[in-house]
Amino acid sequence: MKPIPHRQSSPRILQWQRRAGVFTQPKLPCLAAYHALNLTAGCPNECHYCYAQTYAHHPGWGTVAFYGNLLSRLREEWSEMRAKPKLVYFSTACEPFLPIEPILDDLYEITALLLDSGNSCIWSFSF
């Protein structure tokens, strides 16, 4: 069995650019009816039970990859969408409420955009 690394004192932050669409369809059957939106890949929490660490795009233990262009991509895609999702599930593969200012700023802006448009939102987190 491979040892699990110890938690770092502060996460390593990377900035990635989102190339694919901002919404994804979750692979888990219980979430398949929702549109998912992940602001980041990875998480500083290093939970032993985390299934997201097995994803190909996982940046590594204690590392958070922030999609720096997600808000602008969402604004572009949202204005062009004919059938907008009624419910958006945040963070099926990441931690949404990280104490990292640009991530929280984008979370607030994205949430406001969705709620102002009459959408419902669900967040999952491990705190």
Protein backbone atom coordinates (compact mmCIF):
# COMPACT_ATOMS: atom_id res chain seq x y z
CA MET A 1 0.00 0.00 0.00
CA LYS A 2 1.28 3.44 -0.95
CA PRO A 3 1.73 5.85 2.01
CA ILE A 4 -0.48 8.92 2.01
CA PRO A 5 1.50 12.18 2.21
CA HIS A 6 1.09 14.51 5.19
CA ARG A 7 -0.98 17.66 4.79
CA GLN A 8 0.99 20.73 3.76
CA SER A 9 0.75 23.90 5.87
CA SER A 10 -0.46 25.94 2.88
CA PRO A 11 -1.62 24.74 -0.52
CA ARG A 12 0.38 25.15 -3.67
CA ILE A 13 -1.71 27.27 -6.08
CA LEU A 14 -1.55 26.89 -9.86
CA GLN A 15 -3.49 28.92 -12.39
CA TRP A 16 -4.89 26.93 -15.29
CA GLN A 17 -6.99 28.05 -18.24
CA ARG A 18 -10.28 26.27 -18.78
CA ARG A 19 -10.38 24.98 -22.37
CA ALA A 20 -13.54 22.89 -22.29
CA GLY A 21 -17.03 24.21 -21.55
CA VAL A 22 -17.63 25.37 -18.00
CA PHE A 23 -20.44 22.90 -17.32
CA THR A 24 -19.86 19.17 -17.16
CA GLN A 25 -22.15 16.20 -16.77
CA PRO A 26 -21.16 14.25 -13.66
CA LYS A 27 -20.28 10.60 -14.19
CA LEU A 28 -21.80 9.50 -10.88
CA PRO A 29 -25.33 8.16 -11.57
CA CYS A 30 -26.82 10.01 -8.59
CA LEU A 31 -25.62 13.35 -10.03
CA ALA A 32 -26.13 12.68 -13.73
CA ALA A 33 -29.24 14.90 -13.99
CA TYR A 34 -27.32 18.02 -12.92
CA HIS A 35 -24.93 20.39 -14.62
CA ALA A 36 -21.72 20.53 -12.61
CA LEU A 37 -19.26 23.39 -12.30
CA ASN A 38 -15.83 23.07 -10.70
CA LEU A 39 -13.88 26.28 -10.01
CA THR A 40 -10.70 24.36 -9.31
CA ALA A 41 -9.01 21.02 -9.67
CA GLY A 42 -7.41 19.56 -6.62
CA CYS A 43 -7.81 20.52 -3.00
CA PRO A 44 -5.57 21.31 -0.03
CA ASN A 45 -7.55 19.09 2.35
CA GLU A 46 -5.98 15.77 1.28
CA CYS A 47 -8.95 13.72 2.50
CA HIS A 48 -8.08 10.02 2.51
CA TYR A 49 -11.45 9.04 1.04
CA CYS A 50 -11.34 11.56 -1.86
CA TYR A 51 -12.30 9.99 -5.19
CA ALA A 52 -11.27 13.14 -7.14
CA GLN A 53 -7.60 12.39 -6.54
CA THR A 54 -7.90 9.54 -9.05
CA TYR A 55 -8.93 11.86 -11.89
CA ALA A 56 -6.41 12.37 -14.68
CA HIS A 57 -6.50 16.17 -14.23
CA HIS A 58 -5.81 16.03 -10.46
CA PRO A 59 -2.82 18.36 -9.85
CA GLY A 60 -1.43 16.38 -6.89
CA TRP A 61 -1.77 16.25 -3.12
CA GLY A 62 -2.05 19.65 -1.47
CA THR A 63 -2.21 21.47 -4.80
CA VAL A 64 -5.08 23.60 -6.08
CA ALA A 65 -5.36 24.48 -9.76
CA PHE A 66 -7.60 27.53 -10.15
CA TYR A 67 -9.29 28.04 -13.52
CA GLY A 68 -8.45 31.73 -13.93
CA ASN A 69 -10.66 32.21 -16.99
CA LEU A 70 -13.75 30.37 -15.71
CA LEU A 71 -15.81 33.45 -14.93
CA SER A 72 -15.21 35.05 -18.33
CA ARG A 73 -15.89 31.73 -20.08
CA LEU A 74 -19.14 31.32 -18.15
CA ARG A 75 -20.30 34.83 -19.09
CA GLU A 76 -19.62 34.07 -22.78
CA GLU A 77 -21.27 30.64 -22.71
CA TRP A 78 -24.23 31.80 -20.62
CA SER A 79 -25.17 34.52 -23.08
CA GLU A 80 -25.10 32.00 -25.96
CA MET A 81 -26.95 29.13 -24.24
CA ARG A 82 -30.46 28.52 -25.51
CA ALA A 83 -31.46 26.03 -22.83
CA LYS A 84 -29.88 27.14 -19.57
CA PRO A 85 -29.57 24.61 -16.73
CA LYS A 86 -32.11 25.06 -13.95
CA LEU A 87 -29.83 23.62 -11.30
CA VAL A 88 -26.05 23.84 -11.08
CA TYR A 89 -24.10 21.55 -8.76
CA PHE A 90 -20.90 23.24 -7.62
CA SER A 91 -17.76 21.35 -6.82
CA THR A 92 -18.40 17.70 -7.58
CA ALA A 93 -14.62 17.23 -7.74
CA CYS A 94 -13.16 20.09 -5.70
CA GLU A 95 -13.58 22.16 -2.54
CA PRO A 96 -15.54 25.38 -3.32
CA PHE A 97 -14.95 27.51 -0.20
CA LEU A 98 -11.18 27.69 -0.15
CA PRO A 99 -9.75 30.68 1.72
CA ILE A 100 -8.04 31.92 -1.44
CA GLU A 101 -9.25 35.35 -2.53
CA PRO A 102 -9.48 34.92 -6.33
CA ILE A 103 -11.34 31.62 -5.91
CA LEU A 104 -13.83 33.10 -3.43
CA ASP A 105 -14.28 36.18 -5.63
CA ASP A 106 -15.13 34.02 -8.66
CA LEU A 107 -17.40 31.78 -6.58
CA TYR A 108 -19.35 34.85 -5.44
CA GLU A 109 -19.61 36.31 -8.98
CA ILE A 110 -20.64 32.99 -10.54
CA THR A 111 -23.20 32.32 -7.81
CA ALA A 112 -24.67 35.82 -8.26
CA LEU A 113 -24.90 35.36 -12.05
CA LEU A 114 -26.70 32.03 -11.67
CA LEU A 115 -29.07 33.08 -8.88
CA ASP A 116 -29.89 36.38 -10.60
CA SER A 117 -30.88 34.31 -13.64
CA GLY A 118 -33.34 32.26 -11.59
CA ASN A 119 -31.19 29.17 -11.21
CA SER A 120 -30.83 26.95 -8.20
CA CYS A 121 -27.39 25.97 -6.90
CA ILE A 122 -26.06 23.13 -4.76
CA TRP A 123 -22.65 23.11 -3.12
CA SER A 124 -20.81 20.17 -1.62
CA PHE A 125 -17.87 20.65 0.67
CA SER A 126 -15.91 18.74 3.29
CA PHE A 127 -15.43 21.26 6.10
